[in-house]
Amino acid sequence: MFHFESQLSFVRSLGWGEVFAGWKEREAHNFSWVECATRIKGWPNWESWRVHTALQLHLQDRAWALYEVKDPQVFLPNLLMGPFNGWQKYTEEKNTVSFAELLALPEPQDFFLHHSAVVSLMKQFPAPTELIGLVREDHKKIVCVEGHHRAAAVTLGQILKTPVRLSGSVFIALASLAGDETFLLDKTLEQGSSKRE
């Protein structure tokens, strides 16, 4: 069994405002993310789209800490996919599958090997970089909330035996998801992130 604790080095505590600001910095100026938020998901802007997800998972109410990942090539493939249909649609069991397990399957492997964003990240990984995750207290695994394409790029590199070159550190902001809160993952996946009229 993968024990994530040995893979992490504590950096400092931080608030949700800082975590969200980092998320915004990584995505809000990217045309494809803004287009997804507005044209595809129906929100007025990137921020309202991502705040919707944050509220679904109560991210603003949690205690956050920043960690440096000691070996991203091992750590990132072991993250569980977050509650997002674009990632979860390939598997029968929802909110339990890691990137390594997903990308061992032929259909998603083929799809992401031809996904322009993932291919680009495999060629040029943006390090230093930061992801966002939740530690499931029921089985001590980490759910990826933000950073799916980067995790997929590193995972595919491992599968293809051509590891992605990391030119800097990988960090992850983490908070706990209590055992009696795991229903939030299923609820968030069911509701999706599209704006409802």
N, C-alpha and C. Protein backbone atom coordinates (compact mmCIF):
# COMPACT_ATOMS: atom_id res chain seq x y z
N MET A 1 0.84 -1.20 0.00
CA MET A 1 0.00 0.00 0.00
C MET A 1 0.88 1.25 0.00
N PHE A 2 0.45 2.26 -0.76
CA PHE A 2 1.20 3.51 -0.86
C PHE A 2 0.95 4.39 0.37
N HIS A 3 2.00 4.79 1.05
CA HIS A 3 1.88 5.67 2.21
C HIS A 3 2.37 7.07 1.84
N PHE A 4 1.41 7.98 1.67
CA PHE A 4 1.77 9.30 1.16
C PHE A 4 2.58 10.12 2.17
N GLU A 5 2.41 9.84 3.47
CA GLU A 5 3.06 10.68 4.48
C GLU A 5 4.58 10.74 4.28
N SER A 6 5.18 9.63 3.90
CA SER A 6 6.63 9.59 3.71
C SER A 6 7.07 10.36 2.48
N GLN A 7 6.10 10.73 1.64
CA GLN A 7 6.40 11.45 0.41
C GLN A 7 6.33 12.97 0.56
N LEU A 8 5.92 13.42 1.75
CA LEU A 8 5.67 14.85 1.92
C LEU A 8 6.54 15.48 2.98
N SER A 9 6.93 16.72 2.70
CA SER A 9 7.70 17.51 3.65
C SER A 9 6.91 18.79 3.95
N PHE A 10 6.51 18.97 5.21
CA PHE A 10 5.70 20.13 5.59
C PHE A 10 6.45 21.43 5.34
N VAL A 11 5.76 22.38 4.72
CA VAL A 11 6.34 23.70 4.46
C VAL A 11 5.77 24.73 5.44
N ARG A 12 4.42 24.89 5.42
CA ARG A 12 3.79 25.85 6.33
C ARG A 12 2.27 25.71 6.23
N SER A 13 1.60 26.29 7.22
CA SER A 13 0.15 26.38 7.17
C SER A 13 -0.25 27.55 6.27
N LEU A 14 -1.42 27.48 5.70
CA LEU A 14 -1.90 28.59 4.88
C LEU A 14 -3.42 28.58 4.86
N GLY A 15 -4.00 29.72 4.48
CA GLY A 15 -5.46 29.86 4.46
C GLY A 15 -6.02 29.55 3.09
N TRP A 16 -7.34 29.31 3.04
CA TRP A 16 -7.98 29.01 1.77
C TRP A 16 -7.81 30.13 0.76
N GLY A 17 -7.81 31.38 1.23
CA GLY A 17 -7.64 32.51 0.31
C GLY A 17 -6.35 32.40 -0.49
N GLU A 18 -5.29 32.00 0.18
CA GLU A 18 -4.00 31.85 -0.50
C GLU A 18 -4.01 30.64 -1.44
N VAL A 19 -4.65 29.56 -1.01
CA VAL A 19 -4.76 28.36 -1.86
C VAL A 19 -5.52 28.72 -3.14
N PHE A 20 -6.65 29.43 -2.98
CA PHE A 20 -7.47 29.77 -4.13
C PHE A 20 -6.75 30.76 -5.05
N ALA A 21 -6.00 31.68 -4.46
CA ALA A 21 -5.24 32.64 -5.26
C ALA A 21 -4.23 31.92 -6.15
N GLY A 22 -3.62 30.87 -5.62
CA GLY A 22 -2.69 30.08 -6.43
C GLY A 22 -3.39 29.38 -7.57
N TRP A 23 -4.57 28.82 -7.28
CA TRP A 23 -5.39 28.17 -8.30
C TRP A 23 -5.72 29.16 -9.41
N LYS A 24 -6.12 30.34 -9.00
CA LYS A 24 -6.48 31.39 -9.96
C LYS A 24 -5.28 31.78 -10.82
N GLU A 25 -4.15 31.91 -10.19
CA GLU A 25 -2.93 32.28 -10.92
C GLU A 25 -2.58 31.23 -11.98
N ARG A 26 -2.82 29.96 -11.66
CA ARG A 26 -2.49 28.88 -12.59
C ARG A 26 -3.49 28.74 -13.73
N GLU A 27 -4.74 29.15 -13.53
CA GLU A 27 -5.77 28.87 -14.53
C GLU A 27 -6.48 30.07 -15.14
N ALA A 28 -6.69 31.13 -14.38
CA ALA A 28 -7.62 32.17 -14.80
C ALA A 28 -7.16 32.99 -15.99
N HIS A 29 -5.88 32.88 -16.35
CA HIS A 29 -5.38 33.63 -17.51
C HIS A 29 -5.17 32.71 -18.71
N ASN A 30 -5.60 31.46 -18.55
CA ASN A 30 -5.47 30.47 -19.62
C ASN A 30 -6.77 30.45 -20.41
N PHE A 31 -6.68 30.76 -21.69
CA PHE A 31 -7.88 30.88 -22.52
C PHE A 31 -8.75 29.63 -22.47
N SER A 32 -8.13 28.45 -22.52
CA SER A 32 -8.93 27.21 -22.56
C SER A 32 -9.71 26.98 -21.27
N TRP A 33 -9.13 27.39 -20.11
CA TRP A 33 -9.84 27.25 -18.85
C TRP A 33 -10.99 28.26 -18.77
N VAL A 34 -10.76 29.47 -19.23
CA VAL A 34 -11.80 30.50 -19.21
C VAL A 34 -12.94 30.09 -20.14
N GLU A 35 -12.59 29.56 -21.31
CA GLU A 35 -13.60 29.10 -22.26
C GLU A 35 -14.42 27.95 -21.67
N CYS A 36 -13.75 27.04 -20.96
CA CYS A 36 -14.46 25.94 -20.31
C CYS A 36 -15.45 26.48 -19.29
N ALA A 37 -15.00 27.44 -18.48
CA ALA A 37 -15.86 28.02 -17.44
C ALA A 37 -17.08 28.73 -18.02
N THR A 38 -16.86 29.47 -19.09
CA THR A 38 -17.92 30.33 -19.61
C THR A 38 -18.74 29.66 -20.71
N ARG A 39 -18.09 29.23 -21.77
CA ARG A 39 -18.82 28.68 -22.92
C ARG A 39 -19.37 27.29 -22.65
N ILE A 40 -18.57 26.43 -22.00
CA ILE A 40 -18.98 25.04 -21.79
C ILE A 40 -19.82 24.88 -20.52
N LYS A 41 -19.34 25.46 -19.41
CA LYS A 41 -20.02 25.26 -18.12
C LYS A 41 -21.10 26.31 -17.84
N GLY A 42 -21.08 27.42 -18.57
CA GLY A 42 -22.16 28.40 -18.45
C GLY A 42 -22.01 29.44 -17.36
N TRP A 43 -20.81 29.57 -16.78
CA TRP A 43 -20.59 30.57 -15.73
C TRP A 43 -20.16 31.89 -16.35
N PRO A 44 -20.33 33.02 -15.63
CA PRO A 44 -19.93 34.31 -16.19
C PRO A 44 -18.41 34.48 -16.29
N ASN A 45 -17.67 33.74 -15.45
CA ASN A 45 -16.21 33.88 -15.46
C ASN A 45 -15.57 32.66 -14.79
N TRP A 46 -14.23 32.61 -14.87
CA TRP A 46 -13.50 31.48 -14.29
C TRP A 46 -13.75 31.39 -12.79
N GLU A 47 -13.70 32.52 -12.10
CA GLU A 47 -13.77 32.52 -10.64
C GLU A 47 -15.08 31.92 -10.12
N SER A 48 -16.20 32.30 -10.71
CA SER A 48 -17.49 31.78 -10.23
C SER A 48 -17.59 30.27 -10.45
N TRP A 49 -16.97 29.79 -11.51
CA TRP A 49 -16.96 28.34 -11.78
C TRP A 49 -16.19 27.58 -10.70
N ARG A 50 -14.99 28.04 -10.38
CA ARG A 50 -14.17 27.34 -9.41
C ARG A 50 -14.66 27.55 -7.97
N VAL A 51 -15.27 28.70 -7.69
CA VAL A 51 -15.87 28.91 -6.36
C VAL A 51 -17.01 27.92 -6.14
N HIS A 52 -17.75 27.62 -7.21
CA HIS A 52 -18.83 26.64 -7.13
C HIS A 52 -18.30 25.29 -6.64
N THR A 53 -17.19 24.83 -7.22
CA THR A 53 -16.58 23.56 -6.79
C THR A 53 -16.09 23.66 -5.35
N ALA A 54 -15.47 24.78 -5.02
CA ALA A 54 -14.97 24.98 -3.65
C ALA A 54 -16.10 24.89 -2.63
N LEU A 55 -17.23 25.50 -2.95
CA LEU A 55 -18.38 25.47 -2.04
C LEU A 55 -18.95 24.06 -1.92
N GLN A 56 -18.98 23.31 -3.03
CA GLN A 56 -19.49 21.94 -3.00
C GLN A 56 -18.69 21.08 -2.01
N LEU A 57 -17.38 21.30 -1.99
CA LEU A 57 -16.49 20.48 -1.15
C LEU A 57 -16.13 21.18 0.17
N HIS A 58 -16.74 22.34 0.42
CA HIS A 58 -16.49 23.12 1.65
C HIS A 58 -15.00 23.43 1.83
N LEU A 59 -14.34 23.73 0.74
CA LEU A 59 -12.90 23.98 0.80
C LEU A 59 -12.56 25.22 1.62
N GLN A 60 -13.46 26.18 1.61
CA GLN A 60 -13.21 27.44 2.32
C GLN A 60 -13.27 27.28 3.83
N ASP A 61 -13.82 26.16 4.32
CA ASP A 61 -13.98 25.94 5.76
C ASP A 61 -12.87 25.08 6.36
N ARG A 62 -11.92 24.67 5.55
CA ARG A 62 -10.93 23.69 6.00
C ARG A 62 -9.60 24.34 6.39
N ALA A 63 -8.84 23.62 7.20
CA ALA A 63 -7.50 24.05 7.59
C ALA A 63 -6.52 23.51 6.56
N TRP A 64 -5.71 24.39 5.97
CA TRP A 64 -4.82 24.02 4.87
C TRP A 64 -3.35 24.08 5.28
N ALA A 65 -2.57 23.23 4.66
CA ALA A 65 -1.12 23.25 4.85
C ALA A 65 -0.45 22.95 3.52
N LEU A 66 0.71 23.55 3.33
CA LEU A 66 1.48 23.36 2.11
C LEU A 66 2.60 22.36 2.37
N TYR A 67 2.76 21.42 1.43
CA TYR A 67 3.80 20.40 1.54
C TYR A 67 4.62 20.37 0.25
N GLU A 68 5.89 20.03 0.39
CA GLU A 68 6.70 19.75 -0.79
C GLU A 68 6.69 18.24 -1.01
N VAL A 69 6.51 17.84 -2.26
CA VAL A 69 6.47 16.42 -2.62
C VAL A 69 7.91 15.95 -2.87
N LYS A 70 8.31 14.91 -2.17
CA LYS A 70 9.70 14.45 -2.27
C LYS A 70 9.99 13.75 -3.60
N ASP A 71 9.07 12.91 -4.04
CA ASP A 71 9.26 12.19 -5.31
C ASP A 71 7.98 12.25 -6.13
N PRO A 72 7.79 13.32 -6.91
CA PRO A 72 6.55 13.49 -7.69
C PRO A 72 6.28 12.34 -8.65
N GLN A 73 7.35 11.68 -9.14
CA GLN A 73 7.16 10.59 -10.11
C GLN A 73 6.43 9.41 -9.46
N VAL A 74 6.56 9.27 -8.15
CA VAL A 74 5.86 8.21 -7.41
C VAL A 74 4.55 8.74 -6.84
N PHE A 75 4.59 9.95 -6.31
CA PHE A 75 3.46 10.53 -5.59
C PHE A 75 2.27 10.83 -6.51
N LEU A 76 2.50 11.53 -7.61
CA LEU A 76 1.39 11.99 -8.45
C LEU A 76 0.56 10.85 -9.05
N PRO A 77 1.17 9.77 -9.55
CA PRO A 77 0.34 8.68 -10.08
C PRO A 77 -0.56 8.01 -9.03
N ASN A 78 -0.20 8.14 -7.75
CA ASN A 78 -0.98 7.53 -6.68
C ASN A 78 -2.11 8.40 -6.15
N LEU A 79 -2.22 9.63 -6.63
CA LEU A 79 -3.35 10.48 -6.25
C LEU A 79 -4.63 9.90 -6.82
N LEU A 80 -5.72 10.04 -6.08
CA LEU A 80 -7.04 9.67 -6.59
C LEU A 80 -7.58 10.81 -7.44
N MET A 81 -8.29 10.47 -8.50
CA MET A 81 -8.92 11.50 -9.31
C MET A 81 -10.02 12.19 -8.50
N GLY A 82 -10.17 13.48 -8.75
CA GLY A 82 -11.21 14.25 -8.07
C GLY A 82 -12.59 13.98 -8.66
N PRO A 83 -13.64 14.54 -8.03
CA PRO A 83 -15.02 14.24 -8.41
C PRO A 83 -15.50 15.00 -9.64
N PHE A 84 -14.84 14.75 -10.75
CA PHE A 84 -15.14 15.46 -11.99
C PHE A 84 -15.41 14.45 -13.09
N ASN A 85 -16.53 14.60 -13.78
CA ASN A 85 -17.00 13.61 -14.74
C ASN A 85 -16.00 13.33 -15.86
N GLY A 86 -15.29 14.37 -16.32
CA GLY A 86 -14.33 14.19 -17.40
C GLY A 86 -13.27 13.15 -17.07
N TRP A 87 -13.00 12.97 -15.79
CA TRP A 87 -12.01 11.99 -15.34
C TRP A 87 -12.67 10.71 -14.85
N GLN A 88 -13.80 10.84 -14.17
CA GLN A 88 -14.44 9.68 -13.54
C GLN A 88 -15.24 8.82 -14.53
N LYS A 89 -15.54 9.35 -15.71
CA LYS A 89 -16.43 8.65 -16.64
C LYS A 89 -15.89 7.32 -17.15
N TYR A 90 -14.59 7.11 -17.00
CA TYR A 90 -13.99 5.88 -17.54
C TYR A 90 -14.11 4.68 -16.61
N THR A 91 -14.50 4.91 -15.37
CA THR A 91 -14.47 3.82 -14.39
C THR A 91 -15.84 3.59 -13.76
N GLU A 92 -16.11 2.34 -13.41
CA GLU A 92 -17.38 2.01 -12.78
C GLU A 92 -17.41 2.48 -11.34
N GLU A 93 -16.34 2.24 -10.60
CA GLU A 93 -16.27 2.70 -9.21
C GLU A 93 -15.81 4.15 -9.18
N LYS A 94 -16.64 5.00 -8.66
CA LYS A 94 -16.35 6.43 -8.69
C LYS A 94 -15.60 6.87 -7.42
N ASN A 95 -14.72 7.85 -7.59
CA ASN A 95 -13.99 8.47 -6.48
C ASN A 95 -13.12 7.50 -5.69
N THR A 96 -12.62 6.47 -6.36
CA THR A 96 -11.75 5.51 -5.68
C THR A 96 -10.53 5.16 -6.52
N VAL A 97 -10.42 5.71 -7.72
CA VAL A 97 -9.40 5.28 -8.68
C VAL A 97 -8.26 6.29 -8.78
N SER A 98 -7.04 5.78 -8.77
CA SER A 98 -5.85 6.64 -8.89
C SER A 98 -5.55 6.91 -10.36
N PHE A 99 -4.66 7.88 -10.59
CA PHE A 99 -4.24 8.17 -11.97
C PHE A 99 -3.53 6.97 -12.58
N ALA A 100 -2.73 6.28 -11.78
CA ALA A 100 -2.03 5.09 -12.28
C ALA A 100 -3.01 4.02 -12.72
N GLU A 101 -4.07 3.82 -11.93
CA GLU A 101 -5.09 2.82 -12.27
C GLU A 101 -5.89 3.24 -13.50
N LEU A 102 -6.25 4.52 -13.57
CA LEU A 102 -7.01 5.03 -14.71
C LEU A 102 -6.23 4.86 -16.01
N LEU A 103 -4.98 5.31 -15.99
CA LEU A 103 -4.21 5.37 -17.23
C LEU A 103 -3.59 4.04 -17.62
N ALA A 104 -3.82 3.01 -16.80
CA ALA A 104 -3.47 1.65 -17.20
C ALA A 104 -4.55 1.07 -18.11
N LEU A 105 -5.73 1.72 -18.13
CA LEU A 105 -6.85 1.27 -18.96
C LEU A 105 -6.67 1.79 -20.39
N PRO A 106 -6.92 0.95 -21.38
CA PRO A 106 -6.65 1.34 -22.78
C PRO A 106 -7.36 2.61 -23.25
N GLU A 107 -8.67 2.74 -22.97
CA GLU A 107 -9.42 3.88 -23.51
C GLU A 107 -8.92 5.23 -22.96
N PRO A 108 -8.86 5.40 -21.63
CA PRO A 108 -8.35 6.69 -21.14
C PRO A 108 -6.88 6.92 -21.48
N GLN A 109 -6.08 5.85 -21.51
CA GLN A 109 -4.68 6.02 -21.87
C GLN A 109 -4.56 6.59 -23.28
N ASP A 110 -5.30 6.01 -24.20
CA ASP A 110 -5.26 6.49 -25.58
C ASP A 110 -5.76 7.93 -25.68
N PHE A 111 -6.84 8.23 -24.95
CA PHE A 111 -7.40 9.59 -25.00
C PHE A 111 -6.39 10.62 -24.51
N PHE A 112 -5.78 10.36 -23.35
CA PHE A 112 -4.88 11.37 -22.77
C PHE A 112 -3.52 11.41 -23.45
N LEU A 113 -3.14 10.33 -24.13
CA LEU A 113 -1.90 10.37 -24.92
C LEU A 113 -2.04 11.29 -26.13
N HIS A 114 -3.30 11.59 -26.49
CA HIS A 114 -3.56 12.50 -27.61
C HIS A 114 -4.22 13.80 -27.15
N HIS A 115 -4.25 14.02 -25.85
CA HIS A 115 -4.84 15.24 -25.28
C HIS A 115 -3.78 16.34 -25.32
N SER A 116 -4.08 17.41 -26.03
CA SER A 116 -3.04 18.43 -26.30
C SER A 116 -2.42 19.01 -25.02
N ALA A 117 -3.24 19.26 -23.99
CA ALA A 117 -2.71 19.84 -22.76
C ALA A 117 -1.78 18.86 -22.05
N VAL A 118 -2.18 17.60 -22.00
CA VAL A 118 -1.35 16.59 -21.32
C VAL A 118 -0.06 16.35 -22.09
N VAL A 119 -0.15 16.25 -23.40
CA VAL A 119 1.04 16.06 -24.24
C VAL A 119 2.01 17.21 -24.05
N SER A 120 1.48 18.43 -24.01
CA SER A 120 2.31 19.61 -23.80
C SER A 120 3.00 19.57 -22.43
N LEU A 121 2.27 19.14 -21.41
CA LEU A 121 2.85 19.04 -20.05
C LEU A 121 3.90 17.95 -19.97
N MET A 122 3.74 16.90 -20.74
CA MET A 122 4.74 15.84 -20.76
C MET A 122 6.05 16.35 -21.35
N LYS A 123 5.94 17.25 -22.32
CA LYS A 123 7.13 17.80 -22.98
C LYS A 123 7.77 18.91 -22.14
N GLN A 124 6.93 19.71 -21.50
CA GLN A 124 7.44 20.84 -20.71
C GLN A 124 6.58 21.00 -19.46
N PHE A 125 7.03 20.41 -18.39
CA PHE A 125 6.28 20.43 -17.14
C PHE A 125 6.57 21.72 -16.38
N PRO A 126 5.54 22.43 -15.90
CA PRO A 126 5.73 23.73 -15.26
C PRO A 126 6.16 23.63 -13.80
N ALA A 127 7.41 23.34 -13.56
CA ALA A 127 7.89 23.25 -12.17
C ALA A 127 8.83 24.43 -11.90
N PRO A 128 8.76 25.03 -10.70
CA PRO A 128 7.94 24.61 -9.57
C PRO A 128 6.44 24.81 -9.84
N THR A 129 5.65 23.97 -9.19
CA THR A 129 4.21 24.03 -9.37
C THR A 129 3.53 23.56 -8.10
N GLU A 130 2.23 23.84 -8.01
CA GLU A 130 1.46 23.48 -6.81
C GLU A 130 0.13 22.87 -7.21
N LEU A 131 -0.26 21.82 -6.51
CA LEU A 131 -1.55 21.18 -6.70
C LEU A 131 -2.40 21.39 -5.45
N ILE A 132 -3.66 20.99 -5.53
CA ILE A 132 -4.56 21.07 -4.38
C ILE A 132 -5.17 19.69 -4.17
N GLY A 133 -5.23 19.24 -2.91
CA GLY A 133 -5.79 17.93 -2.64
C GLY A 133 -6.48 17.84 -1.30
N LEU A 134 -7.25 16.78 -1.12
CA LEU A 134 -7.92 16.48 0.13
C LEU A 134 -7.49 15.11 0.61
N VAL A 135 -7.12 15.01 1.88
CA VAL A 135 -6.74 13.72 2.46
C VAL A 135 -8.00 13.04 2.98
N ARG A 136 -8.35 11.91 2.35
CA ARG A 136 -9.49 11.13 2.83
C ARG A 136 -9.08 10.43 4.12
N GLU A 137 -9.70 10.82 5.22
CA GLU A 137 -9.33 10.24 6.51
C GLU A 137 -9.80 8.79 6.65
N ASP A 138 -10.74 8.36 5.79
CA ASP A 138 -11.24 6.99 5.91
C ASP A 138 -10.22 5.96 5.42
N HIS A 139 -9.44 6.30 4.40
CA HIS A 139 -8.43 5.33 3.96
C HIS A 139 -7.08 5.96 3.66
N LYS A 140 -6.89 7.19 4.11
CA LYS A 140 -5.59 7.86 4.03
C LYS A 140 -5.04 7.93 2.61
N LYS A 141 -5.91 8.26 1.68
CA LYS A 141 -5.48 8.53 0.31
C LYS A 141 -5.81 9.98 -0.02
N ILE A 142 -5.09 10.52 -0.99
CA ILE A 142 -5.28 11.93 -1.33
C ILE A 142 -6.08 12.05 -2.63
N VAL A 143 -7.15 12.83 -2.57
CA VAL A 143 -7.97 13.14 -3.73
C VAL A 143 -7.42 14.41 -4.38
N CYS A 144 -7.17 14.35 -5.66
CA CYS A 144 -6.72 15.54 -6.40
C CYS A 144 -7.92 16.44 -6.64
N VAL A 145 -7.84 17.68 -6.19
CA VAL A 145 -8.89 18.66 -6.45
C VAL A 145 -8.48 19.52 -7.65
N GLU A 146 -7.21 19.86 -7.72
CA GLU A 146 -6.69 20.66 -8.83
C GLU A 146 -5.29 20.16 -9.16
N GLY A 147 -5.08 19.92 -10.46
CA GLY A 147 -3.78 19.43 -10.91
C GLY A 147 -3.89 18.14 -11.71
N HIS A 148 -5.09 17.81 -12.20
CA HIS A 148 -5.31 16.54 -12.88
C HIS A 148 -4.43 16.35 -14.12
N HIS A 149 -4.33 17.37 -14.95
CA HIS A 149 -3.56 17.22 -16.18
C HIS A 149 -2.07 17.03 -15.88
N ARG A 150 -1.58 17.72 -14.85
CA ARG A 150 -0.16 17.54 -14.48
C ARG A 150 0.07 16.14 -13.92
N ALA A 151 -0.86 15.67 -13.08
CA ALA A 151 -0.74 14.31 -12.54
C ALA A 151 -0.81 13.28 -13.67
N ALA A 152 -1.69 13.50 -14.63
CA ALA A 152 -1.81 12.58 -15.76
C ALA A 152 -0.54 12.57 -16.60
N ALA A 153 0.05 13.73 -16.81
CA ALA A 153 1.28 13.81 -17.61
C ALA A 153 2.40 13.01 -16.97
N VAL A 154 2.58 13.18 -15.66
CA VAL A 154 3.63 12.44 -14.95
C VAL A 154 3.33 10.95 -14.96
N THR A 155 2.07 10.58 -14.77
CA THR A 155 1.67 9.17 -14.77
C THR A 155 1.95 8.52 -16.12
N LEU A 156 1.58 9.20 -17.19
CA LEU A 156 1.83 8.64 -18.53
C LEU A 156 3.32 8.51 -18.80
N GLY A 157 4.10 9.47 -18.32
CA GLY A 157 5.54 9.37 -18.46
C GLY A 157 6.08 8.11 -17.80
N GLN A 158 5.54 7.80 -16.63
CA GLN A 158 5.95 6.58 -15.93
C GLN A 158 5.53 5.33 -16.69
N ILE A 159 4.31 5.33 -17.19
CA ILE A 159 3.79 4.17 -17.93
C ILE A 159 4.61 3.92 -19.20
N LEU A 160 4.98 5.01 -19.88
CA LEU A 160 5.73 4.90 -21.13
C LEU A 160 7.23 4.71 -20.90
N LYS A 161 7.62 4.75 -19.62
CA LYS A 161 9.03 4.64 -19.24
C LYS A 161 9.88 5.76 -19.85
N THR A 162 9.24 6.92 -19.98
CA THR A 162 9.93 8.15 -20.40
C THR A 162 9.53 9.24 -19.40
N PRO A 163 10.10 9.20 -18.18
CA PRO A 163 9.68 10.12 -17.13
C PRO A 163 9.69 11.59 -17.54
N VAL A 164 8.66 12.30 -17.14
CA VAL A 164 8.58 13.73 -17.39
C VAL A 164 9.71 14.43 -16.63
N ARG A 165 10.37 15.34 -17.31
CA ARG A 165 11.49 16.05 -16.69
C ARG A 165 10.95 17.17 -15.79
N LEU A 166 11.33 17.13 -14.53
CA LEU A 166 10.88 18.13 -13.55
C LEU A 166 12.04 19.07 -13.25
N SER A 167 11.88 20.32 -13.64
CA SER A 167 12.97 21.28 -13.47
C SER A 167 12.89 22.05 -12.16
N GLY A 168 11.88 21.74 -11.34
CA GLY A 168 11.70 22.43 -10.07
C GLY A 168 10.84 21.59 -9.14
N SER A 169 10.55 22.14 -7.98
CA SER A 169 9.80 21.40 -6.96
C SER A 169 8.31 21.32 -7.28
N VAL A 170 7.68 20.28 -6.74
CA VAL A 170 6.22 20.12 -6.82
C VAL A 170 5.69 20.22 -5.39
N PHE A 171 4.71 21.10 -5.20
CA PHE A 171 4.08 21.31 -3.90
C PHE A 171 2.61 20.91 -3.99
N ILE A 172 2.03 20.62 -2.84
CA ILE A 172 0.59 20.35 -2.80
C ILE A 172 0.00 20.96 -1.53
N ALA A 173 -1.10 21.69 -1.71
CA ALA A 173 -1.85 22.24 -0.57
C ALA A 173 -2.87 21.18 -0.17
N LEU A 174 -2.86 20.80 1.11
CA LEU A 174 -3.73 19.72 1.58
C LEU A 174 -4.60 20.14 2.75
N ALA A 175 -5.80 19.59 2.77
CA ALA A 175 -6.71 19.69 3.92
C ALA A 175 -7.34 18.32 4.11
N SER A 176 -7.94 18.10 5.28
CA SER A 176 -8.54 16.80 5.59
C SER A 176 -10.00 16.74 5.17
N LEU A 177 -10.41 15.55 4.72
CA LEU A 177 -11.80 15.25 4.44
C LEU A 177 -12.18 14.11 5.38
N ALA A 178 -12.99 14.43 6.39
CA ALA A 178 -13.35 13.44 7.40
C ALA A 178 -14.12 12.27 6.78
N GLY A 179 -14.08 11.13 7.46
CA GLY A 179 -14.76 9.94 6.96
C GLY A 179 -16.23 10.15 6.70
N ASP A 180 -16.88 10.95 7.57
CA ASP A 180 -18.32 11.17 7.39
C ASP A 180 -18.62 12.27 6.38
N GLU A 181 -17.57 12.79 5.71
CA GLU A 181 -17.77 13.81 4.69
C GLU A 181 -17.53 13.28 3.28
N THR A 182 -17.15 12.02 3.16
CA THR A 182 -16.79 11.51 1.84
C THR A 182 -17.97 11.52 0.88
N PHE A 183 -19.20 11.60 1.40
CA PHE A 183 -20.38 11.70 0.54
C PHE A 183 -20.30 12.95 -0.33
N LEU A 184 -19.54 13.96 0.12
CA LEU A 184 -19.41 15.20 -0.65
C LEU A 184 -18.77 14.94 -2.02
N LEU A 185 -17.89 13.94 -2.08
CA LEU A 185 -17.27 13.61 -3.37
C LEU A 185 -18.31 13.08 -4.34
N ASP A 186 -19.15 12.17 -3.88
CA ASP A 186 -20.20 11.61 -4.74
C ASP A 186 -21.22 12.67 -5.12
N LYS A 187 -21.55 13.51 -4.17
CA LYS A 187 -22.53 14.58 -4.42
C LYS A 187 -22.00 15.59 -5.44
N THR A 188 -20.71 15.93 -5.30
CA THR A 188 -20.10 16.89 -6.22
C THR A 188 -20.04 16.30 -7.63
N LEU A 189 -19.68 15.03 -7.73
CA LEU A 189 -19.64 14.38 -9.04
C LEU A 189 -21.02 14.34 -9.67
N GLU A 190 -22.02 14.02 -8.86
CA GLU A 190 -23.40 13.93 -9.37
C GLU A 190 -23.91 15.29 -9.84
N GLN A 191 -23.62 16.34 -9.06
CA GLN A 191 -24.10 17.69 -9.41
C GLN A 191 -23.35 18.27 -10.60
N GLY A 192 -22.06 17.92 -10.71
CA GLY A 192 -21.24 18.49 -11.77
C GLY A 192 -20.88 19.94 -11.48
N SER A 193 -20.21 20.56 -12.45
CA SER A 193 -19.76 21.95 -12.23
C SER A 193 -20.38 22.93 -13.20
N SER A 194 -21.44 22.50 -13.91
CA SER A 194 -22.13 23.42 -14.81
C SER A 194 -23.08 24.31 -14.02
N LYS A 195 -23.27 25.52 -14.52
CA LYS A 195 -24.19 26.44 -13.87
C LYS A 195 -25.63 26.02 -14.15
N ARG A 196 -26.41 25.96 -13.09
CA ARG A 196 -27.83 25.61 -13.25
C ARG A 196 -28.66 26.88 -13.18
N GLU A 197 -29.59 26.98 -14.10
CA GLU A 197 -30.44 28.19 -14.14
C GLU A 197 -31.43 28.19 -12.99
